[in-house]
Amino acid sequence: MVVGTSSSGKTTLARRVADSIGAEHIELDALHWGPNWTGLPRDVFRDIVRRRAGADRWVIDGNYGAVQDIVMARATDALWLDYPLAVVFCRAVRRTWRRVVTGEELFGGNRETFFAAFFRPDAIPWWVVRTHFRHRRTYPERFARYPDIRLTRLTGQSEADAFVRRLAVQGESR
């Protein structure tokens, strides 16, 4: 599983890891969000995640508390992207701006609008600021409840890149 503050690069890293180990990539945002930014009802979301996490091999990215118990009960390894707030905030602003300008289609056919992306209280850049330090405090507590999960804390992009390179080398030696 790959966790971290919004815009830390969870999905990108999860795809790279899944490709390196030959596993399915599961993006929780893509499962959760429907048209008009409507989230699935909790029980439906949990059922979908339970089915998907029941597979033998996967890499799941996302921070949804509603399904955390399901994912953590099945995970063997976790990557925690714990990058500095300045890095993640800048990524959030750049990514959000790109999505607004290009009209990029996101989960459930949604698109970000300028106002919603930058001026609503739940806009991603502000969400990053509000959740960054909370995640730093709560992730160690969460993982302490699951001692069988091998936790790797990555504090920068170079560490994430090195991790993926090690996976590739391990895969070649099999």
Foldseek 3Di string as FASTA:
>chain_A
DEEEAPQLCQQVLQVLQCVLVVAAEAELVLLAAAPPRHGDPLVVSQVVVLVVLPDPGYRYYDDDPSNVVSNLVSAQEYEYAQEDLVVRLVSLVVVLVVQQVVVDQDHNRDGDHPCQQPPDCCHRSNSSVVCNVVCVVCVVVVCVVRVSYHYDYDHDPVSSVVVSVVSNVVSVVD
